[in-house]
PDB file of all heavy atoms in Angstrom:
ATOM      1  N   GLY A   1       0.813  -1.213   0.000  1.00  0.00           N
ATOM      2  CA  GLY A   1       0.000   0.000   0.000  1.00  0.00           C
ATOM      3  C   GLY A   1       0.845   1.261   0.000  1.00  0.00           C
ATOM      4  O   GLY A   1       0.545   2.230  -0.709  1.00  0.00           O
ATOM      5  N   LEU A   2       1.909   1.261   0.779  1.00  0.00           N
ATOM      6  CA  LEU A   2       2.779   2.431   0.881  1.00  0.00           C
ATOM      7  C   LEU A   2       3.451   2.756  -0.457  1.00  0.00           C
ATOM      8  O   LEU A   2       3.528   3.911  -0.869  1.00  0.00           O
ATOM      9  CB  LEU A   2       3.844   2.192   1.959  1.00  0.00           C
ATOM     10  CG  LEU A   2       4.849   3.308   2.189  1.00  0.00           C
ATOM     11  CD1 LEU A   2       4.177   4.495   2.879  1.00  0.00           C
ATOM     12  CD2 LEU A   2       6.002   2.799   3.047  1.00  0.00           C
ATOM     13  N   LEU A   3       3.941   1.716  -1.139  1.00  0.00           N
ATOM     14  CA  LEU A   3       4.698   1.907  -2.376  1.00  0.00           C
ATOM     15  C   LEU A   3       3.843   1.818  -3.637  1.00  0.00           C
ATOM     16  O   LEU A   3       4.344   2.037  -4.732  1.00  0.00           O
ATOM     17  CB  LEU A   3       5.820   0.860  -2.455  1.00  0.00           C
ATOM     18  CG  LEU A   3       6.843   0.901  -1.319  1.00  0.00           C
ATOM     19  CD1 LEU A   3       7.756  -0.319  -1.380  1.00  0.00           C
ATOM     20  CD2 LEU A   3       7.644   2.189  -1.387  1.00  0.00           C
ATOM     21  N   ASP A   4       2.566   1.457  -3.481  1.00  0.00           N
ATOM     22  CA  ASP A   4       1.665   1.224  -4.614  1.00  0.00           C
ATOM     23  C   ASP A   4       2.201   0.105  -5.509  1.00  0.00           C
ATOM     24  O   ASP A   4       2.195   0.199  -6.733  1.00  0.00           O
ATOM     25  CB  ASP A   4       1.433   2.510  -5.400  1.00  0.00           C
ATOM     26  CG  ASP A   4       0.222   2.408  -6.318  1.00  0.00           C
ATOM     27  OD1 ASP A   4      -0.696   1.618  -6.001  1.00  0.00           O
ATOM     28  OD2 ASP A   4       0.191   3.105  -7.350  1.00  0.00           O
ATOM     29  N   TRP A   5       2.737  -0.945  -4.871  1.00  0.00           N
ATOM     30  CA  TRP A   5       3.192  -2.149  -5.550  1.00  0.00           C
ATOM     31  C   TRP A   5       2.139  -3.223  -5.325  1.00  0.00           C
ATOM     32  O   TRP A   5       1.130  -2.989  -4.676  1.00  0.00           O
ATOM     33  CB  TRP A   5       4.530  -2.617  -5.002  1.00  0.00           C
ATOM     34  CG  TRP A   5       5.700  -1.733  -5.326  1.00  0.00           C
ATOM     35  CD1 TRP A   5       5.672  -0.504  -5.925  1.00  0.00           C
ATOM     36  CD2 TRP A   5       7.073  -2.005  -5.052  1.00  0.00           C
ATOM     37  NE1 TRP A   5       6.932  -0.003  -6.049  1.00  0.00           N
ATOM     38  CE2 TRP A   5       7.819  -0.897  -5.516  1.00  0.00           C
ATOM     39  CE3 TRP A   5       7.734  -3.067  -4.465  1.00  0.00           C
ATOM     40  CZ2 TRP A   5       9.206  -0.844  -5.416  1.00  0.00           C
ATOM     41  CZ3 TRP A   5       9.116  -3.006  -4.349  1.00  0.00           C
ATOM     42  CH2 TRP A   5       9.841  -1.912  -4.832  1.00  0.00           C
ATOM     43  N   HIS A   6       2.345  -4.416  -5.835  1.00  0.00           N
ATOM     44  CA  HIS A   6       1.379  -5.499  -5.638  1.00  0.00           C
ATOM     45  C   HIS A   6       2.021  -6.678  -4.914  1.00  0.00           C
ATOM     46  O   HIS A   6       3.242  -6.835  -4.931  1.00  0.00           O
ATOM     47  CB  HIS A   6       0.782  -5.950  -6.972  1.00  0.00           C
ATOM     48  CG  HIS A   6       1.764  -6.652  -7.867  1.00  0.00           C
ATOM     49  ND1 HIS A   6       2.647  -5.979  -8.673  1.00  0.00           N
ATOM     50  CD2 HIS A   6       2.018  -7.969  -8.050  1.00  0.00           C
ATOM     51  CE1 HIS A   6       3.395  -6.852  -9.329  1.00  0.00           C
ATOM     52  NE2 HIS A   6       3.036  -8.069  -8.962  1.00  0.00           N
ATOM     53  N   ILE A   7       1.184  -7.465  -4.272  1.00  0.00           N
ATOM     54  CA  ILE A   7       1.662  -8.698  -3.637  1.00  0.00           C
ATOM     55  C   ILE A   7       1.697  -9.760  -4.723  1.00  0.00           C
ATOM     56  O   ILE A   7       0.656 -10.155  -5.253  1.00  0.00           O
ATOM     57  CB  ILE A   7       0.779  -9.093  -2.449  1.00  0.00           C
ATOM     58  CG1 ILE A   7       0.883  -8.008  -1.369  1.00  0.00           C
ATOM     59  CG2 ILE A   7       1.198 -10.466  -1.903  1.00  0.00           C
ATOM     60  CD1 ILE A   7       0.053  -8.246  -0.142  1.00  0.00           C
ATOM     61  N   GLY A   8       2.892 -10.185  -5.070  1.00  0.00           N
ATOM     62  CA  GLY A   8       3.070 -11.129  -6.167  1.00  0.00           C
ATOM     63  C   GLY A   8       2.904 -12.573  -5.753  1.00  0.00           C
ATOM     64  O   GLY A   8       2.568 -13.417  -6.582  1.00  0.00           O
ATOM     65  N   HIS A   9       3.126 -12.860  -4.477  1.00  0.00           N
ATOM     66  CA  HIS A   9       3.007 -14.237  -3.985  1.00  0.00           C
ATOM     67  C   HIS A   9       2.831 -14.171  -2.481  1.00  0.00           C
ATOM     68  O   HIS A   9       3.434 -13.341  -1.812  1.00  0.00           O
ATOM     69  CB  HIS A   9       4.263 -15.034  -4.331  1.00  0.00           C
ATOM     70  CG  HIS A   9       4.243 -16.442  -3.823  1.00  0.00           C
ATOM     71  ND1 HIS A   9       3.557 -17.439  -4.470  1.00  0.00           N
ATOM     72  CD2 HIS A   9       4.789 -17.002  -2.724  1.00  0.00           C
ATOM     73  CE1 HIS A   9       3.708 -18.571  -3.775  1.00  0.00           C
ATOM     74  NE2 HIS A   9       4.456 -18.324  -2.720  1.00  0.00           N
ATOM     75  N   GLU A  10       1.996 -15.080  -1.973  1.00  0.00           N
ATOM     76  CA  GLU A  10       1.790 -15.140  -0.525  1.00  0.00           C
ATOM     77  C   GLU A  10       1.466 -16.577  -0.127  1.00  0.00           C
ATOM     78  O   GLU A  10       0.679 -17.245  -0.794  1.00  0.00           O
ATOM     79  CB  GLU A  10       0.636 -14.210  -0.149  1.00  0.00           C
ATOM     80  CG  GLU A  10       0.503 -13.971   1.325  1.00  0.00           C
ATOM     81  CD  GLU A  10      -0.500 -12.860   1.635  1.00  0.00           C
ATOM     82  OE1 GLU A  10      -1.204 -12.390   0.724  1.00  0.00           O
ATOM     83  OE2 GLU A  10      -0.571 -12.489   2.804  1.00  0.00           O
ATOM     84  N   GLU A  11       2.136 -17.042   0.908  1.00  0.00           N
ATOM     85  CA  GLU A  11       1.880 -18.356   1.505  1.00  0.00           C
ATOM     86  C   GLU A  11       2.218 -18.238   2.980  1.00  0.00           C
ATOM     87  O   GLU A  11       2.821 -17.242   3.392  1.00  0.00           O
ATOM     88  CB  GLU A  11       2.708 -19.440   0.817  1.00  0.00           C
ATOM     89  CG  GLU A  11       4.200 -19.271   0.973  1.00  0.00           C
ATOM     90  CD  GLU A  11       4.990 -20.301   0.200  1.00  0.00           C
ATOM     91  OE1 GLU A  11       4.845 -20.393  -1.027  1.00  0.00           O
ATOM     92  OE2 GLU A  11       5.771 -21.015   0.851  1.00  0.00           O
ATOM     93  N   PRO A  12       1.840 -19.199   3.794  1.00  0.00           N
ATOM     94  CA  PRO A  12       2.146 -19.088   5.227  1.00  0.00           C
ATOM     95  C   PRO A  12       3.647 -18.898   5.464  1.00  0.00           C
ATOM     96  O   PRO A  12       4.470 -19.674   4.982  1.00  0.00           O
ATOM     97  CB  PRO A  12       1.667 -20.421   5.797  1.00  0.00           C
ATOM     98  CG  PRO A  12       0.597 -20.865   4.851  1.00  0.00           C
ATOM     99  CD  PRO A  12       1.062 -20.395   3.488  1.00  0.00           C
ATOM    100  N   GLY A  13       3.987 -17.807   6.130  1.00  0.00           N
ATOM    101  CA  GLY A  13       5.380 -17.538   6.476  1.00  0.00           C
ATOM    102  C   GLY A  13       6.172 -16.753   5.453  1.00  0.00           C
ATOM    103  O   GLY A  13       7.306 -16.376   5.712  1.00  0.00           O
ATOM    104  N   THR A  14       5.592 -16.495   4.273  1.00  0.00           N
ATOM    105  CA  THR A  14       6.318 -15.777   3.224  1.00  0.00           C
ATOM    106  C   THR A  14       5.358 -14.934   2.397  1.00  0.00           C
ATOM    107  O   THR A  14       4.265 -15.375   2.074  1.00  0.00           O
ATOM    108  CB  THR A  14       7.040 -16.751   2.273  1.00  0.00           C
ATOM    109  OG1 THR A  14       7.910 -17.588   3.028  1.00  0.00           O
ATOM    110  CG2 THR A  14       7.854 -16.033   1.211  1.00  0.00           C
ATOM    111  N   ALA A  15       5.785 -13.733   2.049  1.00  0.00           N
ATOM    112  CA  ALA A  15       5.032 -12.880   1.125  1.00  0.00           C
ATOM    113  C   ALA A  15       6.030 -12.086   0.292  1.00  0.00           C
ATOM    114  O   ALA A  15       7.083 -11.697   0.785  1.00  0.00           O
ATOM    115  CB  ALA A  15       4.111 -11.940   1.882  1.00  0.00           C
ATOM    116  N   ILE A  16       5.691 -11.875  -0.977  1.00  0.00           N
ATOM    117  CA  ILE A  16       6.569 -11.146  -1.884  1.00  0.00           C
ATOM    118  C   ILE A  16       5.810  -9.943  -2.440  1.00  0.00           C
ATOM    119  O   ILE A  16       4.703 -10.089  -2.948  1.00  0.00           O
ATOM    120  CB  ILE A  16       7.052 -12.043  -3.038  1.00  0.00           C
ATOM    121  CG1 ILE A  16       7.831 -13.233  -2.479  1.00  0.00           C
ATOM    122  CG2 ILE A  16       7.891 -11.246  -4.033  1.00  0.00           C
ATOM    123  CD1 ILE A  16       8.196 -14.277  -3.514  1.00  0.00           C
ATOM    124  N   VAL A  17       6.426  -8.776  -2.341  1.00  0.00           N
ATOM    125  CA  VAL A  17       5.866  -7.540  -2.883  1.00  0.00           C
ATOM    126  C   VAL A  17       6.754  -7.124  -4.046  1.00  0.00           C
ATOM    127  O   VAL A  17       7.979  -7.130  -3.931  1.00  0.00           O
ATOM    128  CB  VAL A  17       5.831  -6.438  -1.800  1.00  0.00           C
ATOM    129  CG1 VAL A  17       5.362  -5.122  -2.371  1.00  0.00           C
ATOM    130  CG2 VAL A  17       4.934  -6.855  -0.650  1.00  0.00           C
ATOM    131  N   ALA A  18       6.119  -6.788  -5.188  1.00  0.00           N
ATOM    132  CA  ALA A  18       6.890  -6.465  -6.383  1.00  0.00           C
ATOM    133  C   ALA A  18       6.378  -5.200  -7.050  1.00  0.00           C
ATOM    134  O   ALA A  18       5.177  -4.936  -7.062  1.00  0.00           O
ATOM    135  CB  ALA A  18       6.819  -7.621  -7.370  1.00  0.00           C
ATOM    136  N   ALA A  19       7.307  -4.452  -7.640  1.00  0.00           N
ATOM    137  CA  ALA A  19       6.942  -3.272  -8.414  1.00  0.00           C
ATOM    138  C   ALA A  19       6.378  -3.691  -9.766  1.00  0.00           C
ATOM    139  O   ALA A  19       5.474  -3.071 -10.294  1.00  0.00           O
ATOM    140  CB  ALA A  19       8.144  -2.370  -8.611  1.00  0.00           C
ATOM    141  N   SER A  20       6.923  -4.771 -10.328  1.00  0.00           N
ATOM    142  CA  SER A  20       6.480  -5.325 -11.607  1.00  0.00           C
ATOM    143  C   SER A  20       6.907  -6.788 -11.642  1.00  0.00           C
ATOM    144  O   SER A  20       7.672  -7.230 -10.782  1.00  0.00           O
ATOM    145  CB  SER A  20       7.111  -4.554 -12.768  1.00  0.00           C
ATOM    146  OG  SER A  20       8.470  -4.897 -12.904  1.00  0.00           O
ATOM    147  N   PRO A  21       6.472  -7.550 -12.634  1.00  0.00           N
ATOM    148  CA  PRO A  21       6.918  -8.951 -12.708  1.00  0.00           C
ATOM    149  C   PRO A  21       8.435  -9.112 -12.824  1.00  0.00           C
ATOM    150  O   PRO A  21       8.992 -10.136 -12.453  1.00  0.00           O
ATOM    151  CB  PRO A  21       6.214  -9.479 -13.962  1.00  0.00           C
ATOM    152  CG  PRO A  21       4.988  -8.634 -14.080  1.00  0.00           C
ATOM    153  CD  PRO A  21       5.422  -7.266 -13.613  1.00  0.00           C
ATOM    154  N   GLN A  22       9.128  -8.089 -13.321  1.00  0.00           N
ATOM    155  CA  GLN A  22      10.583  -8.158 -13.449  1.00  0.00           C
ATOM    156  C   GLN A  22      11.306  -7.641 -12.210  1.00  0.00           C
ATOM    157  O   GLN A  22      12.514  -7.716 -12.111  1.00  0.00           O
ATOM    158  CB  GLN A  22      11.044  -7.341 -14.662  1.00  0.00           C
ATOM    159  CG  GLN A  22      10.605  -7.898 -15.992  1.00  0.00           C
ATOM    160  CD  GLN A  22       9.153  -7.571 -16.321  1.00  0.00           C
ATOM    161  OE1 GLN A  22       8.634  -6.535 -15.929  1.00  0.00           O
ATOM    162  NE2 GLN A  22       8.497  -8.473 -17.030  1.00  0.00           N
ATOM    163  N   GLY A  23      10.578  -7.080 -11.242  1.00  0.00           N
ATOM    164  CA  GLY A  23      11.183  -6.580 -10.013  1.00  0.00           C
ATOM    165  C   GLY A  23      11.245  -5.074 -10.004  1.00  0.00           C
ATOM    166  O   GLY A  23      10.750  -4.445 -10.921  1.00  0.00           O
ATOM    167  N   PRO A  24      11.770  -4.512  -9.006  1.00  0.00           N
ATOM    168  CA  PRO A  24      12.390  -5.102  -7.824  1.00  0.00           C
ATOM    169  C   PRO A  24      11.367  -5.764  -6.907  1.00  0.00           C
ATOM    170  O   PRO A  24      10.169  -5.521  -7.017  1.00  0.00           O
ATOM    171  CB  PRO A  24      13.064  -3.912  -7.140  1.00  0.00           C
ATOM    172  CG  PRO A  24      12.257  -2.732  -7.549  1.00  0.00           C
ATOM    173  CD  PRO A  24      11.745  -3.051  -8.932  1.00  0.00           C
ATOM    174  N   PHE A  25      11.877  -6.589  -5.994  1.00  0.00           N
ATOM    175  CA  PHE A  25      11.053  -7.371  -5.076  1.00  0.00           C
ATOM    176  C   PHE A  25      11.482  -7.143  -3.635  1.00  0.00           C
ATOM    177  O   PHE A  25      12.660  -6.950  -3.367  1.00  0.00           O
ATOM    178  CB  PHE A  25      11.221  -8.875  -5.328  1.00  0.00           C
ATOM    179  CG  PHE A  25      10.950  -9.315  -6.725  1.00  0.00           C
ATOM    180  CD1 PHE A  25      11.984  -9.483  -7.621  1.00  0.00           C
ATOM    181  CD2 PHE A  25       9.657  -9.574  -7.141  1.00  0.00           C
ATOM    182  CE1 PHE A  25      11.751  -9.904  -8.908  1.00  0.00           C
ATOM    183  CE2 PHE A  25       9.410  -9.996  -8.433  1.00  0.00           C
ATOM    184  CZ  PHE A  25      10.454 -10.165  -9.323  1.00  0.00           C
ATOM    185  N   PHE A  26      10.523  -7.223  -2.739  1.00  0.00           N
ATOM    186  CA  PHE A  26      10.784  -7.385  -1.312  1.00  0.00           C
ATOM    187  C   PHE A  26      10.209  -8.732  -0.923  1.00  0.00           C
ATOM    188  O   PHE A  26       9.050  -9.018  -1.210  1.00  0.00           O
ATOM    189  CB  PHE A  26      10.107  -6.301  -0.462  1.00  0.00           C
ATOM    190  CG  PHE A  26      10.719  -4.935  -0.564  1.00  0.00           C
ATOM    191  CD1 PHE A  26       9.916  -3.820  -0.643  1.00  0.00           C
ATOM    192  CD2 PHE A  26      12.086  -4.758  -0.546  1.00  0.00           C
ATOM    193  CE1 PHE A  26      10.462  -2.551  -0.713  1.00  0.00           C
ATOM    194  CE2 PHE A  26      12.646  -3.487  -0.625  1.00  0.00           C
ATOM    195  CZ  PHE A  26      11.833  -2.392  -0.711  1.00  0.00           C
ATOM    196  N   VAL A  27      11.007  -9.569  -0.282  1.00  0.00           N
ATOM    197  CA  VAL A  27      10.547 -10.865   0.214  1.00  0.00           C
ATOM    198  C   VAL A  27      10.468 -10.769   1.728  1.00  0.00           C
ATOM    199  O   VAL A  27      11.465 -10.452   2.386  1.00  0.00           O
ATOM    200  CB  VAL A  27      11.506 -12.005  -0.199  1.00  0.00           C
ATOM    201  CG1 VAL A  27      11.025 -13.331   0.355  1.00  0.00           C
ATOM    202  CG2 VAL A  27      11.657 -12.057  -1.702  1.00  0.00           C
ATOM    203  N   PHE A  28       9.293 -11.013   2.281  1.00  0.00           N
ATOM    204  CA  PHE A  28       9.083 -10.976   3.730  1.00  0.00           C
ATOM    205  C   PHE A  28       8.969 -12.413   4.213  1.00  0.00           C
ATOM    206  O   PHE A  28       8.145 -13.176   3.701  1.00  0.00           O
ATOM    207  CB  PHE A  28       7.812 -10.197   4.057  1.00  0.00           C
ATOM    208  CG  PHE A  28       7.882  -8.755   3.622  1.00  0.00           C
ATOM    209  CD1 PHE A  28       7.429  -8.374   2.370  1.00  0.00           C
ATOM    210  CD2 PHE A  28       8.416  -7.790   4.451  1.00  0.00           C
ATOM    211  CE1 PHE A  28       7.492  -7.061   1.952  1.00  0.00           C
ATOM    212  CE2 PHE A  28       8.496  -6.462   4.043  1.00  0.00           C
ATOM    213  CZ  PHE A  28       8.031  -6.100   2.802  1.00  0.00           C
ATOM    214  N   GLN A  29       9.827 -12.804   5.169  1.00  0.00           N
ATOM    215  CA  GLN A  29       9.826 -14.158   5.696  1.00  0.00           C
ATOM    216  C   GLN A  29       9.615 -14.123   7.204  1.00  0.00           C
ATOM    217  O   GLN A  29      10.115 -13.226   7.903  1.00  0.00           O
ATOM    218  CB  GLN A  29      11.132 -14.873   5.384  1.00  0.00           C
ATOM    219  CG  GLN A  29      11.288 -15.152   3.911  1.00  0.00           C
ATOM    220  CD  GLN A  29      12.525 -15.965   3.613  1.00  0.00           C
ATOM    221  OE1 GLN A  29      13.554 -15.826   4.267  1.00  0.00           O
ATOM    222  NE2 GLN A  29      12.417 -16.822   2.626  1.00  0.00           N
ATOM    223  N   GLN A  30       8.912 -15.122   7.682  1.00  0.00           N
ATOM    224  CA  GLN A  30       8.605 -15.210   9.115  1.00  0.00           C
ATOM    225  C   GLN A  30       9.870 -15.491   9.907  1.00  0.00           C
ATOM    226  O   GLN A  30      10.669 -16.350   9.563  1.00  0.00           O
ATOM    227  CB  GLN A  30       7.587 -16.302   9.371  1.00  0.00           C
ATOM    228  CG  GLN A  30       7.202 -16.369  10.843  1.00  0.00           C
ATOM    229  CD  GLN A  30       5.736 -16.619  11.009  1.00  0.00           C
ATOM    230  OE1 GLN A  30       5.060 -17.016  10.091  1.00  0.00           O
ATOM    231  NE2 GLN A  30       5.247 -16.368  12.194  1.00  0.00           N
ATOM    232  N   ALA A  31      10.022 -14.719  10.984  1.00  0.00           N
ATOM    233  CA  ALA A  31      11.128 -14.922  11.919  1.00  0.00           C
ATOM    234  C   ALA A  31      10.656 -14.467  13.294  1.00  0.00           C
ATOM    235  O   ALA A  31       9.981 -13.454  13.415  1.00  0.00           O
ATOM    236  CB  ALA A  31      12.346 -14.120  11.487  1.00  0.00           C
ATOM    237  N   GLU A  32      10.997 -15.233  14.260  1.00  0.00           N
ATOM    238  CA  GLU A  32      10.685 -14.882  15.645  1.00  0.00           C
ATOM    239  C   GLU A  32      11.990 -14.497  16.334  1.00  0.00           C
ATOM    240  O   GLU A  32      13.053 -14.978  15.977  1.00  0.00           O
ATOM    241  CB  GLU A  32      10.059 -16.064  16.376  1.00  0.00           C
ATOM    242  CG  GLU A  32       8.780 -16.582  15.746  1.00  0.00           C
ATOM    243  CD  GLU A  32       7.624 -15.585  15.764  1.00  0.00           C
ATOM    244  OE1 GLU A  32       7.559 -14.756  16.671  1.00  0.00           O
ATOM    245  OE2 GLU A  32       6.801 -15.641  14.848  1.00  0.00           O
TER     246      GLU A  32
END
C-alpha cells in the first residue's frame, strides 16, 4: 500500500511484494 506495488506471492510464512513482474522485489519471511 505504501509503495503502490502489488503482492506477487503469498503463503504461510512468506510474502513477496513487487513493483512489476521483473522486479524489484521485497521478500518478507517469518522470523521470531
